[in-house]
Protein backbone atom coordinates (compact mmCIF):
# COMPACT_ATOMS: atom_id res chain seq x y z
CA MET A 1 134.30 4.93 149.67
CA LYS A 2 134.66 1.17 150.16
CA ALA A 3 138.29 1.13 149.00
CA ASN A 4 139.08 3.65 151.76
CA ARG A 5 140.68 0.91 153.84
CA TYR A 6 143.49 0.60 151.28
CA PHE A 7 144.04 4.36 151.04
CA GLN A 8 144.32 4.49 154.83
CA GLU A 9 146.55 1.44 155.08
CA PHE A 10 148.85 2.71 152.32
CA GLN A 11 149.11 6.09 154.04
CA GLN A 12 149.75 4.58 157.49
CA ILE A 13 152.54 2.35 156.16
CA ILE A 14 154.36 5.37 154.67
CA LYS A 15 153.84 7.54 157.76
CA GLU A 16 155.54 4.93 159.94
CA ASP A 17 158.82 5.33 158.05
CA PRO A 18 158.63 8.16 155.46
CA ARG A 19 162.40 8.21 154.80
CA ARG A 20 162.43 4.51 153.95
CA TYR A 21 159.66 4.99 151.44
CA TYR A 22 161.31 8.09 150.06
CA ARG A 23 164.27 5.86 149.21
CA ASP A 24 161.85 3.43 147.58
CA TYR A 25 160.30 6.33 145.68
CA LEU A 26 163.79 7.09 144.28
CA LEU A 27 164.05 3.49 143.09
CA ALA A 28 160.65 3.84 141.45
CA LYS A 29 161.71 7.12 139.87
CA ASP A 30 164.81 5.47 138.44
CA LYS A 31 162.64 2.77 136.86
CA VAL A 32 160.37 5.40 135.31
CA ASP A 33 163.30 7.54 134.16
CA ASN A 34 164.72 4.52 132.34
CA SER A 35 161.42 3.41 130.84
CA THR A 36 159.52 4.41 127.70
CA ALA A 37 157.04 6.50 129.74
CA ILE A 38 158.25 9.73 128.13
CA TYR A 39 156.16 12.79 127.35
CA LYS A 40 157.59 15.66 125.30
CA GLY A 41 161.11 14.32 125.77
CA GLU A 42 160.93 13.95 129.56
CA PRO A 43 160.05 11.00 131.84
CA VAL A 44 156.48 11.38 133.07
CA LYS A 45 155.98 12.85 136.52
CA PHE A 46 154.23 10.57 138.97
CA LEU A 47 153.25 10.24 142.60
CA TYR A 48 154.32 7.43 144.92
CA GLN A 49 150.65 6.59 145.24
CA ALA A 50 147.90 4.39 143.84
CA LEU A 51 144.20 4.97 143.38
CA PHE A 52 142.21 2.04 144.74
CA LEU A 53 138.78 1.35 143.28
CA THR A 54 136.24 -1.39 143.96
CA ARG A 55 134.11 -3.46 141.63
CA GLU A 56 131.25 -1.12 142.53
CA ASP A 57 133.33 1.86 141.38
CA LEU A 58 134.07 0.07 138.12
CA GLU A 59 130.38 -0.63 137.54
CA GLU A 60 129.56 3.04 138.18
CA LEU A 61 132.20 4.11 135.65
CA LYS A 62 130.79 1.63 133.13
CA TYR A 63 127.30 3.05 133.66
CA LEU A 64 128.52 6.63 133.20
CA SER A 65 130.48 5.86 130.04
CA SER A 66 127.84 3.63 128.44
CA THR A 67 125.05 6.17 129.06
CA LEU A 68 127.10 9.01 127.60
CA ILE A 69 128.05 6.84 124.63
CA ARG A 70 124.36 6.17 123.94
CA ILE A 71 123.73 9.93 123.90
CA LEU A 72 126.73 10.67 121.69
CA LYS A 73 125.75 8.01 119.17
CA LYS A 74 122.40 9.75 118.79
CA VAL A 75 124.21 13.07 118.29
CA ILE A 76 126.40 11.57 115.56
CA GLN A 77 123.38 10.02 113.87
CA GLU A 78 121.64 13.42 113.87
CA TYR A 79 124.81 15.06 112.51
CA ARG A 80 124.93 12.59 109.63
CA GLN A 81 121.25 12.95 108.75
CA ASN A 82 120.43 16.60 109.44
CA PRO A 83 122.24 19.44 107.59
CA ALA A 84 120.61 22.03 109.90
CA PHE A 85 122.05 20.27 112.95
CA ARG A 86 125.50 20.18 111.35
CA ARG A 87 125.55 23.97 111.17
CA TYR A 88 125.63 24.21 114.99
CA PHE A 89 129.18 22.81 114.96
CA GLY A 90 130.54 25.33 112.45
CA PHE A 91 133.10 22.94 110.96
CA PRO A 92 134.86 24.01 107.73
CA ALA A 93 133.58 22.44 104.50
CA LEU A 94 136.40 19.91 104.04
CA MET A 95 136.17 18.74 107.65
CA GLU A 96 132.40 18.29 107.33
CA GLU A 97 132.85 16.35 104.09
CA LEU A 98 135.38 13.97 105.65
CA ILE A 99 133.33 13.55 108.82
CA LEU A 100 130.49 12.27 106.62
CA VAL A 101 132.69 9.68 104.88
CA ASP A 102 131.66 6.13 105.83
CA PRO A 103 134.81 4.51 107.35
CA GLY A 104 133.55 1.02 106.47
CA TYR A 105 132.74 -0.20 109.98
CA GLU A 106 129.97 0.60 112.44
CA ILE A 107 131.82 1.94 115.51
CA GLU A 108 131.79 5.76 115.36
CA PHE A 109 134.72 6.34 117.74
CA PRO A 110 136.80 3.17 118.19
CA MET A 111 139.23 4.73 120.67
CA ALA A 112 138.39 7.48 123.12
CA ARG A 113 139.36 8.68 126.57
CA PHE A 114 136.59 10.40 128.50
CA ASP A 115 138.00 12.39 131.43
CA LEU A 116 135.85 12.99 134.49
CA PHE A 117 135.92 14.15 138.08
CA TYR A 118 135.00 11.10 140.16
CA PRO A 119 134.43 11.89 143.86
CA PHE A 120 133.56 8.25 144.69
CA ASN A 121 129.84 8.98 144.74
CA LYS A 122 127.02 9.62 142.25
CA ASN A 123 128.09 13.22 141.51
CA SER A 124 130.68 12.65 138.80
CA LYS A 125 131.18 15.27 136.09
CA PHE A 126 132.74 14.74 132.66
CA CYS A 127 135.26 17.47 131.85
CA GLU A 128 136.65 16.38 128.47
CA LEU A 129 135.95 13.90 125.68
CA ASN A 130 139.18 12.88 123.93
CA ALA A 131 138.15 10.98 120.82
CA ASP A 132 140.90 12.12 118.48
CA GLY A 133 144.45 10.90 119.07
CA SER A 134 143.78 9.58 122.60
CA SER A 135 147.03 8.76 124.37
CA ALA A 136 148.77 7.81 127.67
CA MET A 137 148.27 4.04 127.49
CA ASN A 138 152.01 3.57 127.86
CA GLU A 139 152.10 5.76 130.98
CA VAL A 140 149.45 3.51 132.49
CA ARG A 141 151.43 0.37 131.62
CA VAL A 142 154.69 1.61 133.13
CA LEU A 143 153.27 3.21 136.29
CA GLN A 144 151.07 0.22 137.12
CA ARG A 145 154.12 -2.03 137.04
CA VAL A 146 156.40 0.32 138.98
CA ILE A 147 153.96 1.10 141.81
CA LYS A 148 152.82 -2.51 142.08
CA GLU A 149 156.49 -3.41 142.68
CA SER A 150 156.84 -0.71 145.37
CA ALA A 151 157.74 -1.53 148.96
CA ALA A 152 154.67 0.28 150.31
CA LEU A 153 152.22 -1.74 148.25
CA ALA A 154 154.06 -4.93 149.20
CA GLU A 155 153.51 -4.10 152.88
CA ILE A 156 149.74 -4.08 152.38
CA GLY A 157 149.89 -7.71 151.34
CA GLU A 158 147.14 -9.33 149.29
CA LYS A 159 148.89 -7.76 146.30
CA ASP A 160 147.27 -10.30 143.98
CA LYS A 161 143.95 -8.59 144.76
CA PHE A 162 145.06 -5.40 142.99
CA ARG A 163 144.23 -5.63 139.29
CA GLY A 164 145.48 -3.15 136.73
CA PHE A 165 144.60 -2.85 133.04
CA GLU A 166 146.10 -4.22 129.84
CA LEU A 167 145.78 -1.56 127.14
CA PHE A 168 147.93 -2.79 124.25
CA HIS A 169 146.81 -6.24 123.09
CA SER A 170 143.22 -5.32 123.93
CA TRP A 171 143.53 -2.41 121.48
CA ILE A 172 144.95 -4.70 118.80
CA ASP A 173 141.90 -6.95 119.25
CA ALA A 174 139.61 -3.92 118.89
CA ILE A 175 141.28 -2.39 115.83
CA ILE A 176 141.39 -5.76 114.04
CA GLU A 177 137.67 -6.25 114.69
CA ASN A 178 137.04 -2.98 112.86
CA TYR A 179 139.35 -4.00 110.04
CA LYS A 180 137.57 -7.36 109.66
CA GLU A 181 134.24 -5.56 109.32
CA PHE A 182 135.81 -3.28 106.70
CA ASN A 183 137.28 -6.34 104.94
CA GLN A 184 134.13 -8.52 104.78
CA GLY A 185 134.96 -10.47 107.93
CA ILE A 186 138.51 -11.47 107.03
CA ASP A 187 141.71 -10.79 109.00
CA ASP A 188 144.24 -11.25 106.21
CA LYS A 189 147.13 -9.86 108.29
CA PRO A 190 146.94 -6.30 106.94
CA ASN A 191 149.98 -4.07 106.74
CA ILE A 192 149.47 -1.42 109.42
CA ALA A 193 150.58 2.21 109.67
CA ILE A 194 150.53 4.05 113.00
CA MET A 195 149.99 7.55 111.61
CA ASP A 196 150.74 10.95 113.10
CA PHE A 197 152.62 14.07 112.07
CA GLU A 198 156.31 13.95 112.92
CA GLY A 199 156.97 15.61 116.26
CA GLU A 200 153.29 15.61 117.26
CA GLY A 201 152.68 12.26 118.93
CA THR A 202 154.21 10.21 121.72
CA ILE A 203 156.72 8.28 119.63
CA TYR A 204 157.70 5.94 122.48
CA GLU A 205 154.08 4.88 122.82
CA PHE A 206 153.87 4.31 119.07
CA LYS A 207 156.91 2.05 119.26
CA GLU A 208 155.36 0.01 122.07
CA PHE A 209 152.26 -0.52 119.93
CA GLN A 210 154.41 -1.31 116.88
CA LYS A 211 156.28 -3.95 118.86
CA ARG A 212 153.06 -5.70 119.89
CA PHE A 213 151.47 -5.50 116.43
CA SER A 214 154.63 -7.12 115.06
CA GLN A 215 154.52 -9.83 117.74
CA ARG A 216 151.02 -10.66 116.53
CA GLY A 217 152.23 -11.04 112.95
CA TYR A 218 151.23 -7.65 111.51
CA ARG A 219 153.85 -5.77 109.52
CA THR A 220 153.70 -2.30 111.09
CA VAL A 221 155.30 1.06 110.36
CA ILE A 222 155.13 4.46 112.03
CA CYS A 223 154.53 7.15 109.45
CA ASP A 224 153.65 10.77 108.79
CA PRO A 225 150.54 11.24 106.58
CA ARG A 226 152.64 13.49 104.32
CA GLU A 227 154.70 10.41 103.40
CA LEU A 228 151.77 8.38 102.06
CA LYS A 229 151.20 8.03 98.30
CA TYR A 230 148.00 6.92 96.55
CA SER A 231 148.34 5.10 93.26
CA GLY A 232 146.14 2.67 91.37
CA GLY A 233 143.55 2.59 94.11
CA ARG A 234 146.12 1.63 96.75
CA LEU A 235 147.89 3.60 99.49
CA PHE A 236 151.64 3.20 99.92
CA TYR A 237 154.34 4.07 102.43
CA GLY A 238 157.44 3.72 100.30
CA ASP A 239 157.02 0.32 98.60
CA LEU A 240 154.75 -1.02 101.35
CA GLU A 241 151.04 -1.13 100.61
CA ILE A 242 149.07 0.06 103.66
CA ASP A 243 145.81 -1.75 104.43
CA LEU A 244 145.02 -0.42 107.90
CA ILE A 245 145.81 2.89 109.57
CA TYR A 246 145.77 3.39 113.32
CA ARG A 247 145.09 7.13 113.22
CA ARG A 248 146.72 9.22 115.91
CA ALA A 249 146.84 12.46 113.87
CA THR A 250 144.06 14.79 114.99
CA THR A 251 141.32 15.84 112.61
CA VAL A 252 142.17 19.53 113.05
CA ARG A 253 145.80 18.95 112.04
CA LEU A 254 144.75 16.82 109.06
CA ILE A 255 142.54 19.64 107.80
CA GLU A 256 145.30 22.23 108.40
CA GLU A 257 147.71 20.14 106.32
CA ALA A 258 145.14 19.11 103.68
CA ASP A 259 147.20 20.46 100.75
CA LYS A 260 150.16 18.32 101.83
CA ILE A 261 148.23 15.08 102.43
CA ARG A 262 146.02 14.89 99.34
CA ASP A 263 146.94 11.23 98.75
CA PHE A 264 145.79 10.18 102.21
CA ILE A 265 142.58 12.21 101.92
CA GLN A 266 141.72 10.74 98.52
CA ALA A 267 142.36 7.19 99.73
CA TYR A 268 140.11 7.83 102.72
CA ARG A 269 137.37 9.36 100.56
CA GLU A 270 137.39 6.35 98.25
CA GLY A 271 137.49 3.74 101.02
CA ALA A 272 140.80 2.38 99.71
CA VAL A 273 142.24 1.98 103.21
CA CYS A 274 140.74 1.15 106.60
CA VAL A 275 141.31 4.14 108.91
CA VAL A 276 140.68 3.51 112.61
CA GLY A 277 139.23 5.81 113.81
CA GLY A 278 137.26 7.61 111.24
CA LEU A 279 137.07 11.39 111.17
CA VAL A 280 133.49 11.33 112.45
CA SER A 281 135.01 11.30 115.95
CA GLN A 282 135.49 15.07 115.58
CA VAL A 283 131.75 15.53 116.27
CA ILE A 284 132.24 14.52 119.90
CA HIS A 285 135.88 15.52 120.28
CA ASN A 286 135.36 19.24 119.71
CA LYS A 287 134.37 20.79 123.03
CA ILE A 288 131.42 22.63 121.48
CA ILE A 289 129.60 19.32 122.03
CA PHE A 290 129.17 20.32 125.71
CA ALA A 291 127.31 23.51 124.76
CA ILE A 292 125.16 21.71 122.19
CA LEU A 293 124.18 19.01 124.69
CA HIS A 294 122.99 21.67 127.13
CA ASP A 295 120.74 23.32 124.52
CA GLU A 296 117.53 21.29 124.72
CA GLU A 297 116.14 22.76 121.51
CA LYS A 298 119.16 21.53 119.58
CA VAL A 299 119.05 18.02 121.09
CA SER A 300 115.29 17.51 121.08
CA PHE A 301 115.92 13.99 119.71
CA LEU A 302 117.20 12.92 123.17
CA ASP A 303 114.77 11.48 125.73
CA GLY A 304 114.05 12.87 129.21
CA GLU A 305 116.39 10.47 131.00
CA GLU A 306 119.25 11.47 128.70
CA ILE A 307 118.59 15.19 129.24
CA GLU A 308 118.69 14.64 133.01
CA PHE A 309 121.96 12.72 132.68
CA ILE A 310 123.48 15.68 130.82
CA LYS A 311 122.33 18.13 133.50
CA ARG A 312 123.77 15.97 136.25
CA HIS A 313 127.03 14.79 134.74
CA ILE A 314 128.17 17.44 132.22
CA PRO A 315 129.11 20.96 133.41
CA PHE A 316 126.75 23.62 132.11
CA THR A 317 128.40 25.12 129.02
CA ARG A 318 127.64 27.90 126.52
CA VAL A 319 129.42 29.32 123.50
CA PHE A 320 131.06 32.55 124.61
CA ASP A 321 130.04 35.63 122.65
CA TYR A 322 131.93 38.72 123.78
CA TYR A 323 129.50 40.95 121.89
CA ASN A 324 126.44 39.55 123.67
CA ARG A 325 126.30 42.28 126.33
CA ASP A 326 124.03 40.39 128.74
CA LEU A 327 126.20 37.26 128.56
CA LEU A 328 129.39 39.28 128.98
CA GLN A 329 128.11 41.01 132.12
CA GLU A 330 126.97 37.69 133.54
CA VAL A 331 130.38 36.09 132.91
CA ILE A 332 132.16 39.05 134.54
CA ALA A 333 129.89 39.06 137.60
CA ASP A 334 130.07 35.29 138.13
CA LYS A 335 133.76 34.76 137.33
CA ASP A 336 134.52 32.71 140.45
CA HIS A 337 132.12 30.01 139.29
CA LEU A 338 133.17 29.90 135.64
CA LEU A 339 136.02 28.98 133.33
CA LEU A 340 136.93 29.73 129.73
CA LYS A 341 137.84 26.82 127.47
CA PRO A 342 138.80 26.80 123.75
CA PHE A 343 136.85 24.64 121.31
CA ASP A 344 139.70 22.34 120.34
CA LYS A 345 143.01 22.49 122.19
CA ALA A 346 144.69 19.73 124.18
CA ALA A 347 146.54 19.44 127.51
CA SER A 348 144.57 22.31 129.13
CA HIS A 349 146.10 24.92 126.79
CA GLY A 350 144.02 28.09 126.73
CA VAL A 351 141.89 27.14 129.75
CA TYR A 352 141.35 29.97 132.26
CA ILE A 353 139.72 29.53 135.68
CA GLY A 354 137.87 32.68 136.76
CA ARG A 355 138.75 32.42 140.44
CA ASP A 356 142.47 32.36 139.57
CA TYR A 357 142.33 35.95 138.25
CA SER A 358 141.43 39.41 139.46
CA GLU A 359 138.40 41.09 137.92
CA GLU A 360 140.58 43.24 135.67
CA GLU A 361 142.66 40.25 134.54
CA TRP A 362 139.46 38.31 133.84
CA LYS A 363 138.08 41.15 131.71
CA GLU A 364 141.30 41.16 129.67
CA LEU A 365 141.04 37.39 129.13
CA LEU A 366 137.44 37.79 127.98
CA LYS A 367 138.55 40.44 125.51
CA LYS A 368 141.25 38.09 124.21
CA ALA A 369 138.72 35.25 123.89
CA ALA A 370 136.54 37.48 121.67
CA CYS A 371 138.92 36.81 118.77
CA GLU A 372 138.87 33.00 119.14
CA ASP A 373 136.38 30.16 119.51
CA TYR A 374 135.73 29.86 123.24
CA LEU A 375 133.23 28.27 125.61
CA VAL A 376 132.23 29.51 129.03
CA GLN A 377 131.65 26.63 131.42
CA GLU A 378 130.54 26.02 134.98
CA PHE A 379 133.55 25.54 137.27
CA ILE A 380 133.47 22.18 139.04
CA ASP A 381 135.26 21.79 142.35
CA ILE A 382 137.90 19.16 141.75
CA PRO A 383 137.62 16.11 144.05
CA ARG A 384 140.66 15.81 146.30
CA LEU A 385 142.42 13.04 148.17
CA GLU A 386 145.47 12.98 150.41
CA MET A 387 148.34 11.56 148.37
CA ALA A 388 152.03 11.00 148.99
CA SER A 389 154.25 13.92 147.99
CA VAL A 390 158.04 14.38 147.99
CA ASP A 391 159.50 16.91 150.43
CA ASP A 392 163.07 17.29 151.75
CA GLU A 393 164.15 13.67 151.24
CA THR A 394 161.03 12.26 152.81
CA LEU A 395 157.39 11.67 151.94
CA HIS A 396 154.43 13.51 153.40
CA PHE A 397 150.73 13.67 152.54
CA GLU A 398 148.80 16.58 151.12
CA LYS A 399 145.58 17.13 149.22
CA PHE A 400 145.75 16.57 145.47
CA GLY A 401 142.93 17.14 143.04
CA TYR A 402 142.52 14.33 140.54
CA LEU A 403 140.62 13.34 137.43
CA ILE A 404 140.13 9.90 135.93
CA GLY A 405 140.33 9.12 132.24
CA LEU A 406 138.17 6.27 130.98
CA PHE A 407 139.81 4.46 128.05
CA LEU A 408 137.11 3.20 125.70
CA TYR A 409 138.00 0.61 123.07
CA ASN A 410 135.19 0.05 120.58
CA GLN A 411 133.02 1.92 123.10
CA GLN A 412 133.69 -0.51 125.96
CA LEU A 413 135.56 0.51 129.14
CA ALA A 414 139.09 -0.87 128.76
CA GLY A 415 141.11 0.92 131.46
CA LEU A 416 141.70 3.96 133.63
CA TYR A 417 144.21 6.83 133.66
CA THR A 418 144.44 9.15 136.64
CA ARG A 419 146.19 12.51 136.77
CA ALA A 420 146.64 14.59 139.92
CA GLY A 421 147.71 18.13 140.79
CA ARG A 422 147.38 20.80 143.46
CA ARG A 423 146.12 23.61 141.24
CA ASN A 424 142.74 24.32 139.69
CA ILE A 425 143.99 23.03 136.33
CA ILE A 426 145.37 19.50 136.10
CA GLY A 427 147.50 19.30 132.97
CA SER A 428 150.98 19.70 131.58
CA ILE A 429 150.46 23.46 131.29
CA ALA A 430 150.04 23.72 135.10
CA GLU A 431 150.89 20.68 137.23
CA CYS A 432 150.26 17.05 136.43
CA PHE A 433 151.31 13.75 138.02
CA THR A 434 150.28 10.31 136.84
CA VAL A 435 148.78 7.95 139.44
CA PRO A 436 148.16 4.27 138.60
CA ASN A 437 144.77 2.69 139.27
CA PHE A 438 144.04 -0.71 140.78
CA ILE A 439 140.72 -2.47 141.06
CA VAL A 440 140.49 -4.28 144.39
CA GLU A 441 139.23 -7.76 143.55
């Protein structure tokens, strides 16, 4: 790990005077507590730590994301063209219909966050593909600034060599490119709606985006899809005609609320409004994609190199069938190397790690999973690094597992988002701290 020098130097600086840097951590915490980095009503939890990556790391992450994107584009193409292939996903009729709607621009998933375990070598494993309502850009913005201003990072010196990521104006550039394609190449300053169901999204993040859209001259509102009205071939929020929607509402929730959002659905069907991103993103967002990718008969349209990439970089996954006796016995016997994961839930909800349960508890969880859509997946040992942790008014170092999210704007790597925790699940349901990322120039 070529950036190891900075990890070591950062750690040594703190160890020389842990109480001093604990006081600086409190200053950092105060900045975060008084920022817009808020998740579910609370300031985000973070570590007094940075993840340092080199240009070589960045190139590796670009290779991983671009190769997977190439594979996923082929999957989406097959989904669009082959009714037999569509049946493997088991989506309800309305969802399938809306997935097949042409959004009016070429990019299949304009915004995504692909999460992976990155052990600073060639053995990375993707653990989740978030292509529907991807979030946390504001956490990245705030934590980059706060940790870059920290006393510990200042002691390293050469601070200008540490480059973070800009994730707001770069997204505006991306979404407007899609709108221009939809609008025959013209950016006519569309009225924009940032759309999610009330109480669902990260409203503070929405407001940060709204502020920047407005600075760029785009009239922008934050709205609930239930508030939109379709009349005369145009979509309205109150008296404001909406030309472009930045969709944060998930596809699953849109389908659940279909009877209450008929105006939005009809406008989308008829191409009366540019929706970024289109509902086709559900094809890769639903976690069943991992099981389909590992079934070579189902993905026979992929080439040998792509199949090998899947085997190396995506955990082996199967659809769990409680009533398949052979599979059930295998999952019971091999519990310490497996996990259960629902098809389409966020923030690690419903994920169960076999080694965290006794055999009897595991059997009960399997019985519970029989009534829902679940996958059984190979357990991947989480990469771990020593990171600064708070303890008794001082800082000390302990091992934290971590995963890195790759923000993809119009299918290009735009930034990184790292979460860390000490348990086998890293997420709000268990334990989760945000850690900012810096590329060492």
